[in-house]
Amino acid sequence: MPAFDEELFGPVAALVRVKDTETAIQVANNTSFGLGAAIFTRDVAEGERIAREELSAGACFVNDFVKSDSRLPLGGIKQSGFGREIGPHGIREWTNVKTVVVK
């Protein structure tokens, strides 16, 4: 299924049935890409833990869709890009720092 193996920009979703959460995480991380990931769950604390500690993606959302926000850094890992854009982390990457000393 190309929608499962390629980096797509939606609205598109590939649904794959798995036996448990551990397998779902393995399937989600088994990709060459890693721009964003979303977890929809009733257990918000567990969703946050999975997003923070187990998912391989540049941006992880719990009970929300992957999207950009100018206040937050945006960028992927693996073949989804290098570094971050937008937000304070990204703007520093585009800034050249200069030192001027006058006596």
PDB file of N, CA and C in Angstrom:
ATOM      1  N   MET A   1       0.852  -1.162   0.000  1.00  0.00           N
ATOM      2  CA  MET A   1       0.000   0.000   0.000  1.00  0.00           C
ATOM      3  C   MET A   1       0.905   1.234   0.000  1.00  0.00           C
ATOM      4  N   PRO A   2       0.955   1.996  -1.104  1.00  0.00           N
ATOM      5  CA  PRO A   2       1.816   3.184  -1.164  1.00  0.00           C
ATOM      6  C   PRO A   2       1.530   4.192  -0.051  1.00  0.00           C
ATOM      7  N   ALA A   3       0.299   4.330   0.363  1.00  0.00           N
ATOM      8  CA  ALA A   3      -0.034   5.295   1.412  1.00  0.00           C
ATOM      9  C   ALA A   3       0.611   4.930   2.741  1.00  0.00           C
ATOM     10  N   PHE A   4       1.040   3.705   2.884  1.00  0.00           N
ATOM     11  CA  PHE A   4       1.687   3.278   4.126  1.00  0.00           C
ATOM     12  C   PHE A   4       3.197   3.460   4.068  1.00  0.00           C
ATOM     13  N   ASP A   5       3.782   3.322   2.884  1.00  0.00           N
ATOM     14  CA  ASP A   5       5.236   3.324   2.746  1.00  0.00           C
ATOM     15  C   ASP A   5       5.838   4.640   2.261  1.00  0.00           C
ATOM     16  N   GLU A   6       5.020   5.599   1.845  1.00  0.00           N
ATOM     17  CA  GLU A   6       5.540   6.849   1.307  1.00  0.00           C
ATOM     18  C   GLU A   6       5.166   8.016   2.218  1.00  0.00           C
ATOM     19  N   GLU A   7       5.921   9.097   2.115  1.00  0.00           N
ATOM     20  CA  GLU A   7       5.609  10.289   2.902  1.00  0.00           C
ATOM     21  C   GLU A   7       4.518  11.060   2.162  1.00  0.00           C
ATOM     22  N   LEU A   8       3.347  11.097   2.756  1.00  0.00           N
ATOM     23  CA  LEU A   8       2.195  11.751   2.139  1.00  0.00           C
ATOM     24  C   LEU A   8       1.810  12.986   2.933  1.00  0.00           C
ATOM     25  N   PHE A   9       1.255  13.945   2.239  1.00  0.00           N
ATOM     26  CA  PHE A   9       0.746  15.133   2.900  1.00  0.00           C
ATOM     27  C   PHE A   9      -0.745  15.170   2.627  1.00  0.00           C
ATOM     28  N   GLY A  10      -1.542  14.995   3.659  1.00  0.00           N
ATOM     29  CA  GLY A  10      -2.951  14.688   3.671  1.00  0.00           C
ATOM     30  C   GLY A  10      -3.888  15.733   3.125  1.00  0.00           C
ATOM     31  N   PRO A  11      -5.138  15.492   3.331  1.00  0.00           N
ATOM     32  CA  PRO A  11      -5.643  14.556   4.352  1.00  0.00           C
ATOM     33  C   PRO A  11      -5.690  13.115   3.847  1.00  0.00           C
ATOM     34  N   VAL A  12      -4.788  12.300   4.376  1.00  0.00           N
ATOM     35  CA  VAL A  12      -4.691  10.888   4.021  1.00  0.00           C
ATOM     36  C   VAL A  12      -4.332  10.119   5.286  1.00  0.00           C
ATOM     37  N   ALA A  13      -4.876   8.934   5.426  1.00  0.00           N
ATOM     38  CA  ALA A  13      -4.502   8.076   6.549  1.00  0.00           C
ATOM     39  C   ALA A  13      -4.425   6.637   6.074  1.00  0.00           C
ATOM     40  N   ALA A  14      -3.401   5.938   6.519  1.00  0.00           N
ATOM     41  CA  ALA A  14      -3.282   4.505   6.265  1.00  0.00           C
ATOM     42  C   ALA A  14      -3.651   3.796   7.569  1.00  0.00           C
ATOM     43  N   LEU A  15      -4.663   2.966   7.535  1.00  0.00           N
ATOM     44  CA  LEU A  15      -5.097   2.252   8.731  1.00  0.00           C
ATOM     45  C   LEU A  15      -4.586   0.822   8.674  1.00  0.00           C
ATOM     46  N   VAL A  16      -3.914   0.429   9.743  1.00  0.00           N
ATOM     47  CA  VAL A  16      -3.356  -0.912   9.833  1.00  0.00           C
ATOM     48  C   VAL A  16      -3.764  -1.492  11.178  1.00  0.00           C
ATOM     49  N   ARG A  17      -4.393  -2.650  11.150  1.00  0.00           N
ATOM     50  CA  ARG A  17      -4.818  -3.294  12.398  1.00  0.00           C
ATOM     51  C   ARG A  17      -3.625  -4.008  13.028  1.00  0.00           C
ATOM     52  N   VAL A  18      -3.409  -3.772  14.339  1.00  0.00           N
ATOM     53  CA  VAL A  18      -2.337  -4.420  15.089  1.00  0.00           C
ATOM     54  C   VAL A  18      -2.921  -5.010  16.368  1.00  0.00           C
ATOM     55  N   LYS A  19      -2.149  -5.876  17.021  1.00  0.00           N
ATOM     56  CA  LYS A  19      -2.689  -6.583  18.188  1.00  0.00           C
ATOM     57  C   LYS A  19      -2.622  -5.797  19.487  1.00  0.00           C
ATOM     58  N   ASP A  20      -1.652  -4.853  19.611  1.00  0.00           N
ATOM     59  CA  ASP A  20      -1.515  -4.128  20.867  1.00  0.00           C
ATOM     60  C   ASP A  20      -0.726  -2.838  20.659  1.00  0.00           C
ATOM     61  N   THR A  21      -0.597  -2.077  21.730  1.00  0.00           N
ATOM     62  CA  THR A  21       0.086  -0.782  21.665  1.00  0.00           C
ATOM     63  C   THR A  21       1.548  -0.937  21.270  1.00  0.00           C
ATOM     64  N   GLU A  22       2.229  -1.920  21.841  1.00  0.00           N
ATOM     65  CA  GLU A  22       3.646  -2.132  21.527  1.00  0.00           C
ATOM     66  C   GLU A  22       3.847  -2.374  20.031  1.00  0.00           C
ATOM     67  N   THR A  23       2.993  -3.197  19.446  1.00  0.00           N
ATOM     68  CA  THR A  23       3.082  -3.461  18.011  1.00  0.00           C
ATOM     69  C   THR A  23       2.756  -2.211  17.204  1.00  0.00           C
ATOM     70  N   ALA A  24       1.793  -1.425  17.654  1.00  0.00           N
ATOM     71  CA  ALA A  24       1.449  -0.180  16.961  1.00  0.00           C
ATOM     72  C   ALA A  24       2.643   0.766  16.930  1.00  0.00           C
ATOM     73  N   ILE A  25       3.370   0.856  18.023  1.00  0.00           N
ATOM     74  CA  ILE A  25       4.552   1.719  18.084  1.00  0.00           C
ATOM     75  C   ILE A  25       5.627   1.204  17.133  1.00  0.00           C
ATOM     76  N   GLN A  26       5.838  -0.100  17.105  1.00  0.00           N
ATOM     77  CA  GLN A  26       6.827  -0.688  16.194  1.00  0.00           C
ATOM     78  C   GLN A  26       6.462  -0.409  14.738  1.00  0.00           C
ATOM     79  N   VAL A  27       5.199  -0.574  14.392  1.00  0.00           N
ATOM     80  CA  VAL A  27       4.742  -0.313  13.023  1.00  0.00           C
ATOM     81  C   VAL A  27       4.911   1.165  12.680  1.00  0.00           C
ATOM     82  N   ALA A  28       4.551   2.044  13.611  1.00  0.00           N
ATOM     83  CA  ALA A  28       4.666   3.487  13.368  1.00  0.00           C
ATOM     84  C   ALA A  28       6.118   3.903  13.158  1.00  0.00           C
ATOM     85  N   ASN A  29       7.042   3.305  13.884  1.00  0.00           N
ATOM     86  CA  ASN A  29       8.452   3.673  13.777  1.00  0.00           C
ATOM     87  C   ASN A  29       9.171   2.972  12.629  1.00  0.00           C
ATOM     88  N   ASN A  30       8.554   1.967  12.033  1.00  0.00           N
ATOM     89  CA  ASN A  30       9.168   1.197  10.958  1.00  0.00           C
ATOM     90  C   ASN A  30       8.965   1.907   9.615  1.00  0.00           C
ATOM     91  N   THR A  31       9.592   3.062   9.482  1.00  0.00           N
ATOM     92  CA  THR A  31       9.477   3.866   8.283  1.00  0.00           C
ATOM     93  C   THR A  31      10.770   4.628   8.068  1.00  0.00           C
ATOM     94  N   SER A  32      11.012   5.025   6.849  1.00  0.00           N
ATOM     95  CA  SER A  32      12.182   5.848   6.539  1.00  0.00           C
ATOM     96  C   SER A  32      11.921   7.318   6.837  1.00  0.00           C
ATOM     97  N   PHE A  33      10.691   7.637   7.183  1.00  0.00           N
ATOM     98  CA  PHE A  33      10.303   9.030   7.372  1.00  0.00           C
ATOM     99  C   PHE A  33       9.996   9.310   8.838  1.00  0.00           C
ATOM    100  N   GLY A  34       9.831  10.573   9.181  1.00  0.00           N
ATOM    101  CA  GLY A  34       9.540  10.919  10.558  1.00  0.00           C
ATOM    102  C   GLY A  34       9.236  12.391  10.741  1.00  0.00           C
ATOM    103  N   LEU A  35       8.326  12.925   9.940  1.00  0.00           N
ATOM    104  CA  LEU A  35       7.971  14.333  10.096  1.00  0.00           C
ATOM    105  C   LEU A  35       7.040  14.515  11.293  1.00  0.00           C
ATOM    106  N   GLY A  36       5.909  13.823  11.296  1.00  0.00           N
ATOM    107  CA  GLY A  36       4.962  13.978  12.387  1.00  0.00           C
ATOM    108  C   GLY A  36       4.202  12.701  12.671  1.00  0.00           C
ATOM    109  N   ALA A  37       3.689  12.611  13.883  1.00  0.00           N
ATOM    110  CA  ALA A  37       2.907  11.452  14.297  1.00  0.00           C
ATOM    111  C   ALA A  37       1.782  11.916  15.206  1.00  0.00           C
ATOM    112  N   ALA A  38       0.662  11.215  15.152  1.00  0.00           N
ATOM    113  CA  ALA A  38      -0.478  11.545  16.008  1.00  0.00           C
ATOM    114  C   ALA A  38      -0.945  10.290  16.728  1.00  0.00           C
ATOM    115  N   ILE A  39      -1.309  10.464  17.992  1.00  0.00           N
ATOM    116  CA  ILE A  39      -1.850   9.392  18.819  1.00  0.00           C
ATOM    117  C   ILE A  39      -3.227   9.845  19.288  1.00  0.00           C
ATOM    118  N   PHE A  40      -4.218   9.005  19.090  1.00  0.00           N
ATOM    119  CA  PHE A  40      -5.555   9.297  19.597  1.00  0.00           C
ATOM    120  C   PHE A  40      -5.877   8.252  20.652  1.00  0.00           C
ATOM    121  N   THR A  41      -6.127   8.712  21.872  1.00  0.00           N
ATOM    122  CA  THR A  41      -6.303   7.801  22.993  1.00  0.00           C
ATOM    123  C   THR A  41      -7.167   8.436  24.073  1.00  0.00           C
ATOM    124  N   ARG A  42      -7.800   7.581  24.879  1.00  0.00           N
ATOM    125  CA  ARG A  42      -8.520   8.071  26.056  1.00  0.00           C
ATOM    126  C   ARG A  42      -7.569   8.308  27.225  1.00  0.00           C
ATOM    127  N   ASP A  43      -6.427   7.605  27.209  1.00  0.00           N
ATOM    128  CA  ASP A  43      -5.433   7.717  28.278  1.00  0.00           C
ATOM    129  C   ASP A  43      -4.396   8.767  27.865  1.00  0.00           C
ATOM    130  N   VAL A  44      -4.672  10.027  28.169  1.00  0.00           N
ATOM    131  CA  VAL A  44      -3.830  11.137  27.725  1.00  0.00           C
ATOM    132  C   VAL A  44      -2.411  11.023  28.288  1.00  0.00           C
ATOM    133  N   ALA A  45      -2.278  10.624  29.541  1.00  0.00           N
ATOM    134  CA  ALA A  45      -0.951  10.501  30.145  1.00  0.00           C
ATOM    135  C   ALA A  45      -0.119   9.441  29.415  1.00  0.00           C
ATOM    136  N   GLU A  46      -0.721   8.322  29.081  1.00  0.00           N
ATOM    137  CA  GLU A  46      -0.002   7.271  28.347  1.00  0.00           C
ATOM    138  C   GLU A  46       0.312   7.738  26.926  1.00  0.00           C
ATOM    139  N   GLY A  47      -0.601   8.454  26.302  1.00  0.00           N
ATOM    140  CA  GLY A  47      -0.348   9.002  24.975  1.00  0.00           C
ATOM    141  C   GLY A  47       0.830   9.965  24.993  1.00  0.00           C
ATOM    142  N   GLU A  48       0.892  10.807  26.011  1.00  0.00           N
ATOM    143  CA  GLU A  48       2.012  11.747  26.143  1.00  0.00           C
ATOM    144  C   GLU A  48       3.322  11.001  26.333  1.00  0.00           C
ATOM    145  N   ARG A  49       3.309   9.943  27.156  1.00  0.00           N
ATOM    146  CA  ARG A  49       4.522   9.156  27.389  1.00  0.00           C
ATOM    147  C   ARG A  49       5.014   8.518  26.087  1.00  0.00           C
ATOM    148  N   ILE A  50       4.097   7.939  25.332  1.00  0.00           N
ATOM    149  CA  ILE A  50       4.464   7.310  24.064  1.00  0.00           C
ATOM    150  C   ILE A  50       5.024   8.355  23.098  1.00  0.00           C
ATOM    151  N   ALA A  51       4.356   9.505  23.001  1.00  0.00           N
ATOM    152  CA  ALA A  51       4.817  10.570  22.105  1.00  0.00           C
ATOM    153  C   ALA A  51       6.210  11.049  22.501  1.00  0.00           C
ATOM    154  N   ARG A  52       6.433  11.224  23.778  1.00  0.00           N
ATOM    155  CA  ARG A  52       7.699  11.761  24.282  1.00  0.00           C
ATOM    156  C   ARG A  52       8.832  10.750  24.189  1.00  0.00           C
ATOM    157  N   GLU A  53       8.557   9.486  24.520  1.00  0.00           N
ATOM    158  CA  GLU A  53       9.633   8.515  24.711  1.00  0.00           C
ATOM    159  C   GLU A  53       9.768   7.460  23.610  1.00  0.00           C
ATOM    160  N   GLU A  54       8.713   7.189  22.860  1.00  0.00           N
ATOM    161  CA  GLU A  54       8.771   6.023  21.981  1.00  0.00           C
ATOM    162  C   GLU A  54       8.587   6.293  20.495  1.00  0.00           C
ATOM    163  N   LEU A  55       7.899   7.340  20.126  1.00  0.00           N
ATOM    164  CA  LEU A  55       7.671   7.591  18.703  1.00  0.00           C
ATOM    165  C   LEU A  55       8.861   8.318  18.080  1.00  0.00           C
ATOM    166  N   SER A  56       9.251   7.878  16.900  1.00  0.00           N
ATOM    167  CA  SER A  56      10.346   8.500  16.157  1.00  0.00           C
ATOM    168  C   SER A  56       9.762   9.465  15.138  1.00  0.00           C
ATOM    169  N   ALA A  57       9.544  10.696  15.561  1.00  0.00           N
ATOM    170  CA  ALA A  57       9.012  11.732  14.678  1.00  0.00           C
ATOM    171  C   ALA A  57       9.438  13.092  15.209  1.00  0.00           C
ATOM    172  N   GLY A  58       9.560  14.045  14.309  1.00  0.00           N
ATOM    173  CA  GLY A  58       9.965  15.389  14.702  1.00  0.00           C
ATOM    174  C   GLY A  58       8.915  16.124  15.508  1.00  0.00           C
ATOM    175  N   ALA A  59       7.645  15.811  15.277  1.00  0.00           N
ATOM    176  CA  ALA A  59       6.545  16.423  16.032  1.00  0.00           C
ATOM    177  C   ALA A  59       5.521  15.332  16.329  1.00  0.00           C
ATOM    178  N   CYS A  60       5.122  15.233  17.574  1.00  0.00           N
ATOM    179  CA  CYS A  60       4.132  14.234  17.973  1.00  0.00           C
ATOM    180  C   CYS A  60       2.954  14.934  18.635  1.00  0.00           C
ATOM    181  N   PHE A  61       1.767  14.563  18.235  1.00  0.00           N
ATOM    182  CA  PHE A  61       0.538  15.169  18.741  1.00  0.00           C
ATOM    183  C   PHE A  61      -0.302  14.106  19.419  1.00  0.00           C
ATOM    184  N   VAL A  62      -0.878  14.442  20.567  1.00  0.00           N
ATOM    185  CA  VAL A  62      -1.772  13.542  21.293  1.00  0.00           C
ATOM    186  C   VAL A  62      -3.176  14.122  21.207  1.00  0.00           C
ATOM    187  N   ASN A  63      -4.085  13.345  20.663  1.00  0.00           N
ATOM    188  CA  ASN A  63      -5.485  13.726  20.468  1.00  0.00           C
ATOM    189  C   ASN A  63      -5.632  14.994  19.622  1.00  0.00           C
ATOM    190  N   ASP A  64      -4.750  15.133  18.662  1.00  0.00           N
ATOM    191  CA  ASP A  64      -4.821  16.238  17.709  1.00  0.00           C
ATOM    192  C   ASP A  64      -4.105  15.798  16.440  1.00  0.00           C
ATOM    193  N   PHE A  65      -4.373  16.491  15.359  1.00  0.00           N
ATOM    194  CA  PHE A  65      -3.760  16.160  14.086  1.00  0.00           C
ATOM    195  C   PHE A  65      -2.417  16.867  13.952  1.00  0.00           C
ATOM    196  N   VAL A  66      -1.516  16.288  13.181  1.00  0.00           N
ATOM    197  CA  VAL A  66      -0.220  16.896  12.915  1.00  0.00           C
ATOM    198  C   VAL A  66      -0.438  18.181  12.132  1.00  0.00           C
ATOM    199  N   LYS A  67       0.155  19.257  12.630  1.00  0.00           N
ATOM    200  CA  LYS A  67       0.022  20.555  11.957  1.00  0.00           C
ATOM    201  C   LYS A  67       1.169  21.448  12.388  1.00  0.00           C
ATOM    202  N   SER A  68       1.382  22.515  11.648  1.00  0.00           N
ATOM    203  CA  SER A  68       2.431  23.451  12.033  1.00  0.00           C
ATOM    204  C   SER A  68       1.815  24.624  12.778  1.00  0.00           C
ATOM    205  N   ASP A  69       2.621  25.234  13.617  1.00  0.00           N
ATOM    206  CA  ASP A  69       2.221  26.394  14.411  1.00  0.00           C
ATOM    207  C   ASP A  69       3.458  27.286  14.485  1.00  0.00           C
ATOM    208  N   SER A  70       3.333  28.524  14.127  1.00  0.00           N
ATOM    209  CA  SER A  70       4.504  29.405  14.066  1.00  0.00           C
ATOM    210  C   SER A  70       5.196  29.587  15.407  1.00  0.00           C
ATOM    211  N   ARG A  71       4.562  29.190  16.496  1.00  0.00           N
ATOM    212  CA  ARG A  71       5.187  29.286  17.818  1.00  0.00           C
ATOM    213  C   ARG A  71       6.025  28.067  18.157  1.00  0.00           C
ATOM    214  N   LEU A  72       5.936  27.018  17.345  1.00  0.00           N
ATOM    215  CA  LEU A  72       6.608  25.758  17.646  1.00  0.00           C
ATOM    216  C   LEU A  72       7.582  25.380  16.541  1.00  0.00           C
ATOM    217  N   PRO A  73       8.718  24.755  16.904  1.00  0.00           N
ATOM    218  CA  PRO A  73       9.646  24.294  15.879  1.00  0.00           C
ATOM    219  C   PRO A  73       8.995  23.209  15.022  1.00  0.00           C
ATOM    220  N   LEU A  74       9.312  23.198  13.748  1.00  0.00           N
ATOM    221  CA  LEU A  74       8.776  22.196  12.831  1.00  0.00           C
ATOM    222  C   LEU A  74       9.929  21.563  12.086  1.00  0.00           C
ATOM    223  N   GLY A  75       9.966  20.262  12.039  1.00  0.00           N
ATOM    224  CA  GLY A  75      10.997  19.563  11.291  1.00  0.00           C
ATOM    225  C   GLY A  75      10.894  18.081  11.531  1.00  0.00           C
ATOM    226  N   GLY A  76      11.488  17.328  10.647  1.00  0.00           N
ATOM    227  CA  GLY A  76      11.400  15.880  10.738  1.00  0.00           C
ATOM    228  C   GLY A  76      12.732  15.242  11.070  1.00  0.00           C
ATOM    229  N   ILE A  77      12.693  13.930  11.148  1.00  0.00           N
ATOM    230  CA  ILE A  77      13.895  13.130  11.343  1.00  0.00           C
ATOM    231  C   ILE A  77      13.943  12.105  10.229  1.00  0.00           C
ATOM    232  N   LYS A  78      14.969  11.319  10.189  1.00  0.00           N
ATOM    233  CA  LYS A  78      15.185  10.321   9.140  1.00  0.00           C
ATOM    234  C   LYS A  78      15.180  11.019   7.783  1.00  0.00           C
ATOM    235  N   GLN A  79      14.425  10.519   6.807  1.00  0.00           N
ATOM    236  CA  GLN A  79      14.397  11.123   5.475  1.00  0.00           C
ATOM    237  C   GLN A  79      13.353  12.234   5.358  1.00  0.00           C
ATOM    238  N   SER A  80      12.841  12.698   6.469  1.00  0.00           N
ATOM    239  CA  SER A  80      11.857  13.783   6.457  1.00  0.00           C
ATOM    240  C   SER A  80      12.512  15.132   6.737  1.00  0.00           C
ATOM    241  N   GLY A  81      13.794  15.230   6.556  1.00  0.00           N
ATOM    242  CA  GLY A  81      14.453  16.519   6.704  1.00  0.00           C
ATOM    243  C   GLY A  81      15.395  16.564   7.875  1.00  0.00           C
ATOM    244  N   PHE A  82      16.133  17.634   7.888  1.00  0.00           N
ATOM    245  CA  PHE A  82      17.135  17.823   8.933  1.00  0.00           C
ATOM    246  C   PHE A  82      16.903  19.172   9.587  1.00  0.00           C
ATOM    247  N   GLY A  83      17.039  19.231  10.885  1.00  0.00           N
ATOM    248  CA  GLY A  83      16.907  20.496  11.580  1.00  0.00           C
ATOM    249  C   GLY A  83      15.465  20.900  11.809  1.00  0.00           C
ATOM    250  N   ARG A  84      15.291  22.145  12.265  1.00  0.00           N
ATOM    251  CA  ARG A  84      13.970  22.658  12.602  1.00  0.00           C
ATOM    252  C   ARG A  84      13.758  24.003  11.953  1.00  0.00           C
ATOM    253  N   GLU A  85      12.534  24.258  11.592  1.00  0.00           N
ATOM    254  CA  GLU A  85      12.123  25.555  11.067  1.00  0.00           C
ATOM    255  C   GLU A  85      11.040  26.101  11.991  1.00  0.00           C
ATOM    256  N   ILE A  86      10.749  27.363  11.875  1.00  0.00           N
ATOM    257  CA  ILE A  86       9.722  28.037  12.647  1.00  0.00           C
ATOM    258  C   ILE A  86      10.093  28.034  14.134  1.00  0.00           C
ATOM    259  N   GLY A  87       9.451  28.852  14.929  1.00  0.00           N
ATOM    260  CA  GLY A  87       9.682  28.910  16.367  1.00  0.00           C
ATOM    261  C   GLY A  87      11.078  29.393  16.718  1.00  0.00           C
ATOM    262  N   PRO A  88      11.366  29.536  17.996  1.00  0.00           N
ATOM    263  CA  PRO A  88      12.656  30.079  18.429  1.00  0.00           C
ATOM    264  C   PRO A  88      13.851  29.217  18.038  1.00  0.00           C
ATOM    265  N   HIS A  89      13.720  27.893  18.025  1.00  0.00           N
ATOM    266  CA  HIS A  89      14.829  27.030  17.634  1.00  0.00           C
ATOM    267  C   HIS A  89      15.174  27.235  16.168  1.00  0.00           C
ATOM    268  N   GLY A  90      14.150  27.309  15.339  1.00  0.00           N
ATOM    269  CA  GLY A  90      14.366  27.468  13.907  1.00  0.00           C
ATOM    270  C   GLY A  90      14.916  28.825  13.536  1.00  0.00           C
ATOM    271  N   ILE A  91      14.412  29.877  14.147  1.00  0.00           N
ATOM    272  CA  ILE A  91      14.878  31.215  13.786  1.00  0.00           C
ATOM    273  C   ILE A  91      16.357  31.381  14.101  1.00  0.00           C
ATOM    274  N   ARG A  92      16.836  30.739  15.140  1.00  0.00           N
ATOM    275  CA  ARG A  92      18.265  30.818  15.477  1.00  0.00           C
ATOM    276  C   ARG A  92      19.128  30.183  14.391  1.00  0.00           C
ATOM    277  N   GLU A  93      18.599  29.183  13.708  1.00  0.00           N
ATOM    278  CA  GLU A  93      19.342  28.544  12.626  1.00  0.00           C
ATOM    279  C   GLU A  93      19.500  29.472  11.429  1.00  0.00           C
ATOM    280  N   TRP A  94      18.621  30.435  11.283  1.00  0.00           N
ATOM    281  CA  TRP A  94      18.661  31.366  10.155  1.00  0.00           C
ATOM    282  C   TRP A  94      19.311  32.691  10.531  1.00  0.00           C
ATOM    283  N   THR A  95      19.812  32.799  11.754  1.00  0.00           N
ATOM    284  CA  THR A  95      20.401  34.033  12.244  1.00  0.00           C
ATOM    285  C   THR A  95      21.909  33.939  12.238  1.00  0.00           C
ATOM    286  N   ASN A  96      22.557  34.943  11.717  1.00  0.00           N
ATOM    287  CA  ASN A  96      24.012  35.017  11.792  1.00  0.00           C
ATOM    288  C   ASN A  96      24.366  35.940  12.949  1.00  0.00           C
ATOM    289  N   VAL A  97      25.127  35.399  13.887  1.00  0.00           N
ATOM    290  CA  VAL A  97      25.530  36.172  15.050  1.00  0.00           C
ATOM    291  C   VAL A  97      26.836  36.887  14.703  1.00  0.00           C
ATOM    292  N   LYS A  98      26.878  38.140  15.079  1.00  0.00           N
ATOM    293  CA  LYS A  98      28.063  38.950  14.793  1.00  0.00           C
ATOM    294  C   LYS A  98      28.531  39.611  16.082  1.00  0.00           C
ATOM    295  N   THR A  99      29.839  39.619  16.293  1.00  0.00           N
ATOM    296  CA  THR A  99      30.410  40.300  17.440  1.00  0.00           C
ATOM    297  C   THR A  99      31.110  41.563  16.956  1.00  0.00           C
ATOM    298  N   VAL A 100      30.791  42.675  17.595  1.00  0.00           N
ATOM    299  CA  VAL A 100      31.441  43.956  17.293  1.00  0.00           C
ATOM    300  C   VAL A 100      31.925  44.530  18.611  1.00  0.00           C
ATOM    301  N   VAL A 101      33.217  44.812  18.697  1.00  0.00           N
ATOM    302  CA  VAL A 101      33.795  45.393  19.906  1.00  0.00           C
ATOM    303  C   VAL A 101      34.327  46.770  19.530  1.00  0.00           C
ATOM    304  N   VAL A 102      33.933  47.801  20.285  1.00  0.00           N
ATOM    305  CA  VAL A 102      34.388  49.167  20.044  1.00  0.00           C
ATOM    306  C   VAL A 102      34.969  49.696  21.334  1.00  0.00           C
ATOM    307  N   LYS A 103      36.175  50.264  21.287  1.00  0.00           N
ATOM    308  CA  LYS A 103      36.812  50.847  22.472  1.00  0.00           C
ATOM    309  C   LYS A 103      36.959  52.336  22.294  1.00  0.00           C
TER     310      LYS A 103
END
